[in-house]
Amino acid sequence: MMMAAARQPEPQARGAIDEPLRQRLVARFGARVRYDEPLARHTSFRIGGPADAWVDVDDADELAELFGAARESATPVFTLGSGTNVLVSDRGVRGVVVHLGRGFHFIEWAEEAEHAAVRAGAAMPFKKLVYDAVERGFEGLEFGEGIPGSVGGGLTMNAGAFGGEIGKVVTSLQGVHREGRVEELPRSALAFEYRRLELPPGWVITAVRLTLARGDRAEMEKRVAAARAKRKKNQPLGLPNAGSIFKNPPGTFAGRLLEEAGVKGLARGGARVSELHANFIVNQGGATAAEVRALMEEMRARVQARSGVRLEPEVKLVGEW
């Protein structure tokens, strides 16, 4: 089915990228800088207004340089990965949106008899890392089959499913602080929580080191196949969405509470709660961020009225609201 063109809101007054920063960005990054870039092109929801500036960077030194230039002009910077698990405002994002480019697409393996040390770039697709590990016979990532987005995004959200979490196998993180420091943080300095990683303010992940144990490849392939079948059966894979909208409350599932509250099929404009899974909102065509947000509030209100539980969003609201 052909998707209808997204309805764009009226243009809004945007924070200016001052001329010195403009010139500096173009001189350093050339065609990798774009102005008034529609972020709907870069999100799995296919929703989002413009970024004042969009910049692709290819390594940690470029990222540090960009942060320095933005800091000198007091311009905000937001880092966007593969655009899953986010809802970008119709008004867009002020300042610079930085995207990790080709230089952050890599997986490096150091294999031994019983375990492997892995280094993966933040822009690498999470699913690719999962399949690479299974093919080589190392376990600990099978839960990630079908989790959308990049390794960096998965780390930021401590992505998990079916009892597994990425945080359980992390050895260290490499990244860049917005003051320009290129750093590596050991596991002891990382606070992984349910669907959350507490990082130092202004710190952006560029790569991760993992330790994986040798496993039975046939058993791993069975677990991956089971996860794939479950997702295919229960999740709306054919329409733009951002994954689970709300986090699971302690001791229960958000999808169960939402289904019991009768939200399946509830719609606001082009946004609709999936009939397959009550914790997914799909873009039926032309949905706006305002419609998705209004639908989220209605879903949460219905659950709270029925069960007394106030759901916490898993999707991050980004930009100018």
C-alpha atoms as a PDB file:
ATOM      1  CA  MET A   1       0.000   0.000   0.000  1.00  0.00           C
ATOM      2  CA  MET A   2       1.422   3.395  -0.965  1.00  0.00           C
ATOM      3  CA  MET A   3       2.029   5.724   1.956  1.00  0.00           C
ATOM      4  CA  ALA A   4       0.443   9.152   1.765  1.00  0.00           C
ATOM      5  CA  ALA A   5       2.802  12.106   1.897  1.00  0.00           C
ATOM      6  CA  ALA A   6       3.363  13.364   5.431  1.00  0.00           C
ATOM      7  CA  ARG A   7       1.436  16.512   6.325  1.00  0.00           C
ATOM      8  CA  GLN A   8       3.975  19.200   7.098  1.00  0.00           C
ATOM      9  CA  PRO A   9       3.133  21.882   9.680  1.00  0.00           C
ATOM     10  CA  GLU A  10       3.489  25.563   8.917  1.00  0.00           C
ATOM     11  CA  PRO A  11       7.129  26.728   8.951  1.00  0.00           C
ATOM     12  CA  GLN A  12       8.324  27.801  12.381  1.00  0.00           C
ATOM     13  CA  ALA A  13      10.907  30.390  13.345  1.00  0.00           C
ATOM     14  CA  ARG A  14      14.172  28.492  13.808  1.00  0.00           C
ATOM     15  CA  GLY A  15      17.249  29.144  15.840  1.00  0.00           C
ATOM     16  CA  ALA A  16      19.874  30.469  13.440  1.00  0.00           C
ATOM     17  CA  ILE A  17      23.147  28.743  12.699  1.00  0.00           C
ATOM     18  CA  ASP A  18      25.371  31.823  12.804  1.00  0.00           C
ATOM     19  CA  GLU A  19      27.468  32.653   9.762  1.00  0.00           C
ATOM     20  CA  PRO A  20      30.879  31.840  11.298  1.00  0.00           C
ATOM     21  CA  LEU A  21      29.658  28.345  12.263  1.00  0.00           C
ATOM     22  CA  ARG A  22      28.041  27.894   8.846  1.00  0.00           C
ATOM     23  CA  GLN A  23      31.299  28.689   7.101  1.00  0.00           C
ATOM     24  CA  ARG A  24      33.301  26.499   9.459  1.00  0.00           C
ATOM     25  CA  LEU A  25      30.999  23.507   8.954  1.00  0.00           C
ATOM     26  CA  VAL A  26      31.023  23.800   5.170  1.00  0.00           C
ATOM     27  CA  ALA A  27      34.820  24.219   5.092  1.00  0.00           C
ATOM     28  CA  ARG A  28      35.302  21.098   7.238  1.00  0.00           C
ATOM     29  CA  PHE A  29      32.509  18.790   6.097  1.00  0.00           C
ATOM     30  CA  GLY A  30      31.542  20.041   2.622  1.00  0.00           C
ATOM     31  CA  ALA A  31      28.575  18.189   1.136  1.00  0.00           C
ATOM     32  CA  ARG A  32      28.113  16.285   4.425  1.00  0.00           C
ATOM     33  CA  VAL A  33      26.422  19.427   5.804  1.00  0.00           C
ATOM     34  CA  ARG A  34      22.792  20.075   4.908  1.00  0.00           C
ATOM     35  CA  TYR A  35      20.573  22.874   6.193  1.00  0.00           C
ATOM     36  CA  ASP A  36      16.849  22.629   7.019  1.00  0.00           C
ATOM     37  CA  GLU A  37      17.111  18.857   6.600  1.00  0.00           C
ATOM     38  CA  PRO A  38      13.706  17.096   7.089  1.00  0.00           C
ATOM     39  CA  LEU A  39      14.212  14.581   9.889  1.00  0.00           C
ATOM     40  CA  ALA A  40      11.242  12.513   8.714  1.00  0.00           C
ATOM     41  CA  ARG A  41      13.749  11.117   6.200  1.00  0.00           C
ATOM     42  CA  HIS A  42      15.873   9.792   9.063  1.00  0.00           C
ATOM     43  CA  THR A  43      13.401   8.280  11.556  1.00  0.00           C
ATOM     44  CA  SER A  44      11.680   4.896  11.539  1.00  0.00           C
ATOM     45  CA  PHE A  45       8.376   6.691  12.249  1.00  0.00           C
ATOM     46  CA  ARG A  46       8.875   8.745   9.052  1.00  0.00           C
ATOM     47  CA  ILE A  47       7.906  11.746  11.180  1.00  0.00           C
ATOM     48  CA  GLY A  48       9.830  14.885  12.138  1.00  0.00           C
ATOM     49  CA  GLY A  49      10.382  18.510  11.185  1.00  0.00           C
ATOM     50  CA  PRO A  50      13.656  20.041   9.989  1.00  0.00           C
ATOM     51  CA  ALA A  51      17.053  20.228  11.644  1.00  0.00           C
ATOM     52  CA  ASP A  52      18.679  23.630  11.384  1.00  0.00           C
ATOM     53  CA  ALA A  53      21.809  21.782  10.273  1.00  0.00           C
ATOM     54  CA  TRP A  54      22.560  18.105   9.611  1.00  0.00           C
ATOM     55  CA  VAL A  55      26.168  16.896   9.632  1.00  0.00           C
ATOM     56  CA  ASP A  56      27.557  13.427   8.867  1.00  0.00           C
ATOM     57  CA  VAL A  57      30.805  12.662  10.721  1.00  0.00           C
ATOM     58  CA  ASP A  58      33.083   9.721   9.964  1.00  0.00           C
ATOM     59  CA  ASP A  59      35.318   9.328  13.016  1.00  0.00           C
ATOM     60  CA  ALA A  60      35.720  10.340  16.644  1.00  0.00           C
ATOM     61  CA  ASP A  61      38.127  13.179  15.832  1.00  0.00           C
ATOM     62  CA  GLU A  62      35.598  14.752  13.464  1.00  0.00           C
ATOM     63  CA  LEU A  63      32.913  14.428  16.121  1.00  0.00           C
ATOM     64  CA  ALA A  64      35.154  16.112  18.701  1.00  0.00           C
ATOM     65  CA  GLU A  65      35.918  18.923  16.244  1.00  0.00           C
ATOM     66  CA  LEU A  66      32.230  19.448  15.533  1.00  0.00           C
ATOM     67  CA  PHE A  67      31.447  19.627  19.242  1.00  0.00           C
ATOM     68  CA  GLY A  68      34.190  22.206  19.672  1.00  0.00           C
ATOM     69  CA  ALA A  69      32.889  24.397  16.857  1.00  0.00           C
ATOM     70  CA  ALA A  70      29.323  24.232  18.166  1.00  0.00           C
ATOM     71  CA  ARG A  71      30.457  24.978  21.716  1.00  0.00           C
ATOM     72  CA  GLU A  72      32.319  28.102  20.615  1.00  0.00           C
ATOM     73  CA  SER A  73      29.145  29.458  18.975  1.00  0.00           C
ATOM     74  CA  ALA A  74      26.856  28.303  21.821  1.00  0.00           C
ATOM     75  CA  THR A  75      24.910  26.121  19.350  1.00  0.00           C
ATOM     76  CA  PRO A  76      23.129  23.004  20.680  1.00  0.00           C
ATOM     77  CA  VAL A  77      24.018  19.598  19.239  1.00  0.00           C
ATOM     78  CA  PHE A  78      21.836  16.488  19.124  1.00  0.00           C
ATOM     79  CA  THR A  79      23.181  13.097  18.012  1.00  0.00           C
ATOM     80  CA  LEU A  80      20.785  10.941  15.963  1.00  0.00           C
ATOM     81  CA  GLY A  81      21.542   7.322  15.190  1.00  0.00           C
ATOM     82  CA  SER A  82      19.313   5.253  12.936  1.00  0.00           C
ATOM     83  CA  GLY A  83      16.232   7.151  14.101  1.00  0.00           C
ATOM     84  CA  THR A  84      14.427   4.293  15.856  1.00  0.00           C
ATOM     85  CA  ASN A  85      12.828   4.715  19.271  1.00  0.00           C
ATOM     86  CA  VAL A  86      12.432   8.482  18.814  1.00  0.00           C
ATOM     87  CA  LEU A  87       9.580  10.848  18.050  1.00  0.00           C
ATOM     88  CA  VAL A  88      10.878  14.072  16.512  1.00  0.00           C
ATOM     89  CA  SER A  89       8.691  17.157  16.879  1.00  0.00           C
ATOM     90  CA  ASP A  90       6.915  18.605  13.860  1.00  0.00           C
ATOM     91  CA  ARG A  91       8.827  21.820  14.611  1.00  0.00           C
ATOM     92  CA  GLY A  92      12.120  19.971  14.230  1.00  0.00           C
ATOM     93  CA  VAL A  93      15.381  20.270  16.136  1.00  0.00           C
ATOM     94  CA  ARG A  94      17.236  23.489  16.775  1.00  0.00           C
ATOM     95  CA  GLY A  95      20.968  23.660  16.270  1.00  0.00           C
ATOM     96  CA  VAL A  96      23.058  20.872  14.740  1.00  0.00           C
ATOM     97  CA  VAL A  97      21.923  17.278  14.356  1.00  0.00           C
ATOM     98  CA  VAL A  98      24.993  15.079  14.021  1.00  0.00           C
ATOM     99  CA  HIS A  99      24.823  11.647  12.420  1.00  0.00           C
ATOM    100  CA  LEU A 100      27.517   8.981  12.814  1.00  0.00           C
ATOM    101  CA  GLY A 101      28.573   7.965   9.318  1.00  0.00           C
ATOM    102  CA  ARG A 102      30.518   5.209   7.564  1.00  0.00           C
ATOM    103  CA  GLY A 103      33.517   5.312   9.855  1.00  0.00           C
ATOM    104  CA  PHE A 104      31.365   3.998  12.707  1.00  0.00           C
ATOM    105  CA  HIS A 105      30.216   0.932  10.725  1.00  0.00           C
ATOM    106  CA  PHE A 106      32.571  -1.855  11.776  1.00  0.00           C
ATOM    107  CA  ILE A 107      32.849  -5.077  13.798  1.00  0.00           C
ATOM    108  CA  GLU A 108      36.243  -6.377  14.922  1.00  0.00           C
ATOM    109  CA  TRP A 109      36.649  -9.882  16.392  1.00  0.00           C
ATOM    110  CA  ALA A 110      39.394 -11.384  18.568  1.00  0.00           C
ATOM    111  CA  GLU A 111      38.412 -15.029  19.064  1.00  0.00           C
ATOM    112  CA  GLU A 112      39.768 -17.563  21.525  1.00  0.00           C
ATOM    113  CA  ALA A 113      38.638 -21.086  22.356  1.00  0.00           C
ATOM    114  CA  GLU A 114      35.985 -20.223  24.945  1.00  0.00           C
ATOM    115  CA  HIS A 115      35.249 -16.553  24.426  1.00  0.00           C
ATOM    116  CA  ALA A 116      35.589 -13.613  22.051  1.00  0.00           C
ATOM    117  CA  ALA A 117      36.396  -9.943  22.497  1.00  0.00           C
ATOM    118  CA  VAL A 118      34.348  -7.831  20.095  1.00  0.00           C
ATOM    119  CA  ARG A 119      34.594  -4.158  19.181  1.00  0.00           C
ATOM    120  CA  ALA A 120      31.662  -2.691  17.249  1.00  0.00           C
ATOM    121  CA  GLY A 121      31.029   0.796  15.914  1.00  0.00           C
ATOM    122  CA  ALA A 122      28.034   2.715  17.220  1.00  0.00           C
ATOM    123  CA  ALA A 123      26.474   3.055  13.758  1.00  0.00           C
ATOM    124  CA  MET A 124      26.560  -0.681  13.058  1.00  0.00           C
ATOM    125  CA  PRO A 125      23.081  -2.212  12.772  1.00  0.00           C
ATOM    126  CA  PHE A 126      22.304  -4.097  15.991  1.00  0.00           C
ATOM    127  CA  LYS A 127      20.858  -6.982  13.996  1.00  0.00           C
ATOM    128  CA  LYS A 128      24.101  -7.397  12.032  1.00  0.00           C
ATOM    129  CA  LEU A 129      26.066  -7.757  15.284  1.00  0.00           C
ATOM    130  CA  VAL A 130      23.610 -10.419  16.479  1.00  0.00           C
ATOM    131  CA  TYR A 131      23.893 -12.510  13.322  1.00  0.00           C
ATOM    132  CA  ASP A 132      27.664 -12.133  13.182  1.00  0.00           C
ATOM    133  CA  ALA A 133      27.953 -13.480  16.744  1.00  0.00           C
ATOM    134  CA  VAL A 134      25.673 -16.454  16.077  1.00  0.00           C
ATOM    135  CA  GLU A 135      27.497 -17.343  12.850  1.00  0.00           C
ATOM    136  CA  ARG A 136      30.805 -17.382  14.738  1.00  0.00           C
ATOM    137  CA  GLY A 137      29.319 -19.454  17.568  1.00  0.00           C
ATOM    138  CA  PHE A 138      29.306 -16.925  20.426  1.00  0.00           C
ATOM    139  CA  GLU A 139      26.246 -16.457  22.613  1.00  0.00           C
ATOM    140  CA  GLY A 140      24.735 -13.599  24.575  1.00  0.00           C
ATOM    141  CA  LEU A 141      23.107 -11.492  21.843  1.00  0.00           C
ATOM    142  CA  GLU A 142      20.400 -13.797  20.446  1.00  0.00           C
ATOM    143  CA  PHE A 143      17.691 -11.726  22.167  1.00  0.00           C
ATOM    144  CA  GLY A 144      18.535  -8.891  19.759  1.00  0.00           C
ATOM    145  CA  GLU A 145      17.174 -10.567  16.636  1.00  0.00           C
ATOM    146  CA  GLY A 146      14.739  -8.074  15.171  1.00  0.00           C
ATOM    147  CA  ILE A 147      15.641  -5.175  17.475  1.00  0.00           C
ATOM    148  CA  PRO A 148      15.793  -2.226  15.085  1.00  0.00           C
ATOM    149  CA  GLY A 149      18.376   0.493  15.026  1.00  0.00           C
ATOM    150  CA  SER A 150      22.083   0.807  15.639  1.00  0.00           C
ATOM    151  CA  VAL A 151      24.465  -0.565  18.246  1.00  0.00           C
ATOM    152  CA  GLY A 152      24.815   2.914  19.753  1.00  0.00           C
ATOM    153  CA  GLY A 153      21.070   3.315  20.092  1.00  0.00           C
ATOM    154  CA  GLY A 154      20.766  -0.158  21.584  1.00  0.00           C
ATOM    155  CA  LEU A 155      23.383   0.709  24.188  1.00  0.00           C
ATOM    156  CA  THR A 156      21.768   4.020  25.077  1.00  0.00           C
ATOM    157  CA  MET A 157      18.477   2.222  25.727  1.00  0.00           C
ATOM    158  CA  ASN A 158      20.112  -0.920  27.172  1.00  0.00           C
ATOM    159  CA  ALA A 159      18.141  -2.791  24.533  1.00  0.00           C
ATOM    160  CA  GLY A 160      16.774  -6.146  25.550  1.00  0.00           C
ATOM    161  CA  ALA A 161      14.111  -8.787  24.998  1.00  0.00           C
ATOM    162  CA  PHE A 162      13.256 -12.321  26.083  1.00  0.00           C
ATOM    163  CA  GLY A 163      15.359 -12.001  29.246  1.00  0.00           C
ATOM    164  CA  GLY A 164      18.518 -10.661  27.596  1.00  0.00           C
ATOM    165  CA  GLU A 165      20.077  -7.180  27.650  1.00  0.00           C
ATOM    166  CA  ILE A 166      23.039  -5.676  25.823  1.00  0.00           C
ATOM    167  CA  GLY A 167      24.415  -4.290  29.095  1.00  0.00           C
ATOM    168  CA  LYS A 168      25.151  -7.792  30.377  1.00  0.00           C
ATOM    169  CA  VAL A 169      27.968  -8.358  27.865  1.00  0.00           C
ATOM    170  CA  VAL A 170      29.547  -4.876  27.682  1.00  0.00           C
ATOM    171  CA  THR A 171      33.212  -4.570  28.673  1.00  0.00           C
ATOM    172  CA  SER A 172      33.686  -0.857  27.964  1.00  0.00           C
ATOM    173  CA  LEU A 173      32.377   2.039  25.875  1.00  0.00           C
ATOM    174  CA  GLN A 174      34.330   4.410  23.686  1.00  0.00           C
ATOM    175  CA  GLY A 175      32.992   7.870  23.037  1.00  0.00           C
ATOM    176  CA  VAL A 176      33.425  11.606  22.756  1.00  0.00           C
ATOM    177  CA  HIS A 177      32.501  14.181  25.360  1.00  0.00           C
ATOM    178  CA  ARG A 178      30.976  17.376  24.042  1.00  0.00           C
ATOM    179  CA  GLU A 179      33.951  19.237  25.488  1.00  0.00           C
ATOM    180  CA  GLY A 180      36.003  17.422  22.841  1.00  0.00           C
ATOM    181  CA  ARG A 181      37.563  14.618  24.898  1.00  0.00           C
ATOM    182  CA  VAL A 182      37.855  11.179  23.275  1.00  0.00           C
ATOM    183  CA  GLU A 183      37.470   8.663  26.105  1.00  0.00           C
ATOM    184  CA  GLU A 184      36.919   5.020  27.007  1.00  0.00           C
ATOM    185  CA  LEU A 185      34.715   4.173  29.995  1.00  0.00           C
ATOM    186  CA  PRO A 186      35.214   0.782  31.726  1.00  0.00           C
ATOM    187  CA  ARG A 187      32.280  -1.424  32.689  1.00  0.00           C
ATOM    188  CA  SER A 188      32.683  -0.373  36.328  1.00  0.00           C
ATOM    189  CA  ALA A 189      31.853   3.225  35.367  1.00  0.00           C
ATOM    190  CA  LEU A 190      28.655   2.314  33.499  1.00  0.00           C
ATOM    191  CA  ALA A 191      25.235   2.239  35.168  1.00  0.00           C
ATOM    192  CA  PHE A 192      22.964   0.017  33.072  1.00  0.00           C
ATOM    193  CA  GLU A 193      19.317  -0.022  34.152  1.00  0.00           C
ATOM    194  CA  TYR A 194      16.099  -1.295  32.605  1.00  0.00           C
ATOM    195  CA  ARG A 195      15.944   0.318  29.127  1.00  0.00           C
ATOM    196  CA  ARG A 196      18.429   2.949  30.195  1.00  0.00           C
ATOM    197  CA  LEU A 197      22.142   3.668  30.385  1.00  0.00           C
ATOM    198  CA  GLU A 198      23.293   6.507  32.592  1.00  0.00           C
ATOM    199  CA  LEU A 199      26.150   8.271  30.781  1.00  0.00           C
ATOM    200  CA  PRO A 200      28.115  11.379  31.754  1.00  0.00           C
ATOM    201  CA  PRO A 201      26.280  14.504  30.531  1.00  0.00           C
ATOM    202  CA  GLY A 202      27.268  15.380  26.971  1.00  0.00           C
ATOM    203  CA  TRP A 203      28.886  11.995  26.257  1.00  0.00           C
ATOM    204  CA  VAL A 204      28.246  10.265  22.898  1.00  0.00           C
ATOM    205  CA  ILE A 205      28.977   6.577  22.261  1.00  0.00           C
ATOM    206  CA  THR A 206      31.200   5.864  19.249  1.00  0.00           C
ATOM    207  CA  ALA A 207      32.052   2.168  19.848  1.00  0.00           C
ATOM    208  CA  VAL A 208      31.583  -0.671  22.331  1.00  0.00           C
ATOM    209  CA  ARG A 209      33.734  -3.566  23.523  1.00  0.00           C
ATOM    210  CA  LEU A 210      31.888  -6.790  24.360  1.00  0.00           C
ATOM    211  CA  THR A 211      32.889 -10.158  25.781  1.00  0.00           C
ATOM    212  CA  LEU A 212      30.914 -13.155  24.507  1.00  0.00           C
ATOM    213  CA  ALA A 213      31.156 -16.799  25.564  1.00  0.00           C
ATOM    214  CA  ARG A 214      31.403 -19.733  23.166  1.00  0.00           C
ATOM    215  CA  GLY A 215      28.040 -21.451  22.754  1.00  0.00           C
ATOM    216  CA  ASP A 216      26.185 -24.143  20.863  1.00  0.00           C
ATOM    217  CA  ARG A 217      25.507 -22.633  17.452  1.00  0.00           C
ATOM    218  CA  ALA A 218      22.517 -24.865  16.739  1.00  0.00           C
ATOM    219  CA  GLU A 219      20.867 -23.858  20.009  1.00  0.00           C
ATOM    220  CA  MET A 220      21.593 -20.185  19.329  1.00  0.00           C
ATOM    221  CA  GLU A 221      20.037 -20.454  15.892  1.00  0.00           C
ATOM    222  CA  LYS A 222      16.919 -21.960  17.470  1.00  0.00           C
ATOM    223  CA  ARG A 223      16.661 -19.053  19.921  1.00  0.00           C
ATOM    224  CA  VAL A 224      17.090 -16.522  17.104  1.00  0.00           C
ATOM    225  CA  ALA A 225      14.444 -18.283  15.001  1.00  0.00           C
ATOM    226  CA  ALA A 226      12.028 -18.327  17.942  1.00  0.00           C
ATOM    227  CA  ALA A 227      12.561 -14.607  18.568  1.00  0.00           C
ATOM    228  CA  ARG A 228      12.035 -13.861  14.865  1.00  0.00           C
ATOM    229  CA  ALA A 229       8.798 -15.870  14.738  1.00  0.00           C
ATOM    230  CA  LYS A 230       7.443 -14.187  17.849  1.00  0.00           C
ATOM    231  CA  ARG A 231       8.170 -10.701  16.525  1.00  0.00           C
ATOM    232  CA  LYS A 232       6.656 -11.519  13.135  1.00  0.00           C
ATOM    233  CA  LYS A 233       3.484 -12.783  14.776  1.00  0.00           C
ATOM    234  CA  ASN A 234       3.014 -10.031  17.344  1.00  0.00           C
ATOM    235  CA  GLN A 235       4.567  -6.846  15.962  1.00  0.00           C
ATOM    236  CA  PRO A 236       3.456  -4.556  13.107  1.00  0.00           C
ATOM    237  CA  LEU A 237       6.428  -4.827  10.763  1.00  0.00           C
ATOM    238  CA  GLY A 238       4.776  -3.424   7.636  1.00  0.00           C
ATOM    239  CA  LEU A 239       4.134   0.188   8.687  1.00  0.00           C
ATOM    240  CA  PRO A 240       6.486   2.888  10.024  1.00  0.00           C
ATOM    241  CA  ASN A 241       6.771   2.756  13.812  1.00  0.00           C
ATOM    242  CA  ALA A 242       9.268   3.417  16.601  1.00  0.00           C
ATOM    243  CA  GLY A 243       9.064   0.112  18.442  1.00  0.00           C
ATOM    244  CA  SER A 244       7.576  -0.169  21.919  1.00  0.00           C
ATOM    245  CA  ILE A 245       5.999   3.106  23.020  1.00  0.00           C
ATOM    246  CA  PHE A 246       6.023   2.502  26.798  1.00  0.00           C
ATOM    247  CA  LYS A 247       8.381   0.673  29.145  1.00  0.00           C
ATOM    248  CA  ASN A 248       7.149  -2.382  31.009  1.00  0.00           C
ATOM    249  CA  PRO A 249       6.211  -1.473  34.601  1.00  0.00           C
ATOM    250  CA  PRO A 250       7.685  -3.665  37.355  1.00  0.00           C
ATOM    251  CA  GLY A 251       6.014  -7.067  37.434  1.00  0.00           C
ATOM    252  CA  THR A 252       3.861  -6.704  34.326  1.00  0.00           C
ATOM    253  CA  PHE A 253       3.840  -5.779  30.648  1.00  0.00           C
ATOM    254  CA  ALA A 254       2.829  -2.437  29.159  1.00  0.00           C
ATOM    255  CA  GLY A 255       1.242  -4.189  26.180  1.00  0.00           C
ATOM    256  CA  ARG A 256      -1.006  -6.243  28.460  1.00  0.00           C
ATOM    257  CA  LEU A 257      -2.158  -3.177  30.416  1.00  0.00           C
ATOM    258  CA  LEU A 258      -2.805  -1.275  27.201  1.00  0.00           C
ATOM    259  CA  GLU A 259      -4.763  -4.145  25.650  1.00  0.00           C
ATOM    260  CA  GLU A 260      -6.860  -4.479  28.801  1.00  0.00           C
ATOM    261  CA  ALA A 261      -7.541  -0.733  28.577  1.00  0.00           C
ATOM    262  CA  GLY A 262      -8.970  -1.235  25.079  1.00  0.00           C
ATOM    263  CA  VAL A 263      -6.572   0.949  23.090  1.00  0.00           C
ATOM    264  CA  LYS A 264      -6.036  -1.329  20.081  1.00  0.00           C
ATOM    265  CA  GLY A 265      -7.184   0.473  16.946  1.00  0.00           C
ATOM    266  CA  LEU A 266      -7.403   3.850  18.699  1.00  0.00           C
ATOM    267  CA  ALA A 267      -6.378   6.582  16.226  1.00  0.00           C
ATOM    268  CA  ARG A 268      -5.501  10.264  16.040  1.00  0.00           C
ATOM    269  CA  GLY A 269      -5.200  11.434  12.445  1.00  0.00           C
ATOM    270  CA  GLY A 270      -2.632   9.262  10.689  1.00  0.00           C
ATOM    271  CA  ALA A 271      -1.396   7.672  13.929  1.00  0.00           C
ATOM    272  CA  ARG A 272      -3.004   4.441  15.079  1.00  0.00           C
ATOM    273  CA  VAL A 273      -2.457   1.891  17.839  1.00  0.00           C
ATOM    274  CA  SER A 274      -1.640  -1.418  16.181  1.00  0.00           C
ATOM    275  CA  GLU A 275      -4.235  -4.174  16.312  1.00  0.00           C
ATOM    276  CA  LEU A 276      -1.358  -6.674  16.555  1.00  0.00           C
ATOM    277  CA  HIS A 277       0.314  -5.146  19.618  1.00  0.00           C
ATOM    278  CA  ALA A 278      -1.216  -2.517  21.878  1.00  0.00           C
ATOM    279  CA  ASN A 279       2.209  -1.031  22.742  1.00  0.00           C
ATOM    280  CA  PHE A 280       2.946  -0.034  19.139  1.00  0.00           C
ATOM    281  CA  ILE A 281       1.782   3.063  17.292  1.00  0.00           C
ATOM    282  CA  VAL A 282       1.981   2.938  13.490  1.00  0.00           C
ATOM    283  CA  ASN A 283       2.101   5.746  10.960  1.00  0.00           C
ATOM    284  CA  GLN A 284      -0.735   4.879   8.601  1.00  0.00           C
ATOM    285  CA  GLY A 285       0.308   7.698   6.283  1.00  0.00           C
ATOM    286  CA  GLY A 286       0.832  11.375   6.943  1.00  0.00           C
ATOM    287  CA  ALA A 287       0.875  11.127  10.740  1.00  0.00           C
ATOM    288  CA  THR A 288       2.319  14.108  12.606  1.00  0.00           C
ATOM    289  CA  ALA A 289       4.331  14.059  15.806  1.00  0.00           C
ATOM    290  CA  ALA A 290       1.537  16.004  17.522  1.00  0.00           C
ATOM    291  CA  GLU A 291      -0.933  13.252  16.632  1.00  0.00           C
ATOM    292  CA  VAL A 292       1.380  10.525  17.932  1.00  0.00           C
ATOM    293  CA  ARG A 293       1.960  12.432  21.168  1.00  0.00           C
ATOM    294  CA  ALA A 294      -1.773  12.998  21.673  1.00  0.00           C
ATOM    295  CA  LEU A 295      -2.364   9.285  21.097  1.00  0.00           C
ATOM    296  CA  MET A 296       0.338   8.413  23.628  1.00  0.00           C
ATOM    297  CA  GLU A 297      -1.320  10.599  26.252  1.00  0.00           C
ATOM    298  CA  GLU A 298      -4.702   8.994  25.581  1.00  0.00           C
ATOM    299  CA  MET A 299      -3.196   5.508  25.898  1.00  0.00           C
ATOM    300  CA  ARG A 300      -1.497   6.389  29.163  1.00  0.00           C
ATOM    301  CA  ALA A 301      -4.637   8.026  30.559  1.00  0.00           C
ATOM    302  CA  ARG A 302      -6.747   4.963  29.798  1.00  0.00           C
ATOM    303  CA  VAL A 303      -4.285   2.627  31.507  1.00  0.00           C
ATOM    304  CA  GLN A 304      -4.030   4.858  34.557  1.00  0.00           C
ATOM    305  CA  ALA A 305      -7.812   5.137  34.831  1.00  0.00           C
ATOM    306  CA  ARG A 306      -8.254   1.360  34.619  1.00  0.00           C
ATOM    307  CA  SER A 307      -5.277   0.022  36.590  1.00  0.00           C
ATOM    308  CA  GLY A 308      -3.772   2.974  38.443  1.00  0.00           C
ATOM    309  CA  VAL A 309      -0.422   2.471  36.665  1.00  0.00           C
ATOM    310  CA  ARG A 310       1.186   5.474  34.995  1.00  0.00           C
ATOM    311  CA  LEU A 311       3.209   4.213  32.056  1.00  0.00           C
ATOM    312  CA  GLU A 312       6.648   5.667  31.337  1.00  0.00           C
ATOM    313  CA  PRO A 313       7.501   6.313  27.660  1.00  0.00           C
ATOM    314  CA  GLU A 314      10.237   4.221  26.084  1.00  0.00           C
ATOM    315  CA  VAL A 315      10.165   6.380  22.949  1.00  0.00           C
ATOM    316  CA  LYS A 316      12.183   9.568  23.378  1.00  0.00           C
ATOM    317  CA  LEU A 317      10.554  12.875  22.463  1.00  0.00           C
ATOM    318  CA  VAL A 318      13.109  14.934  20.575  1.00  0.00           C
ATOM    319  CA  GLY A 319      13.138  18.524  19.381  1.00  0.00           C
ATOM    320  CA  GLU A 320      11.069  21.642  19.890  1.00  0.00           C
ATOM    321  CA  TRP A 321       7.617  20.915  21.318  1.00  0.00           C
END
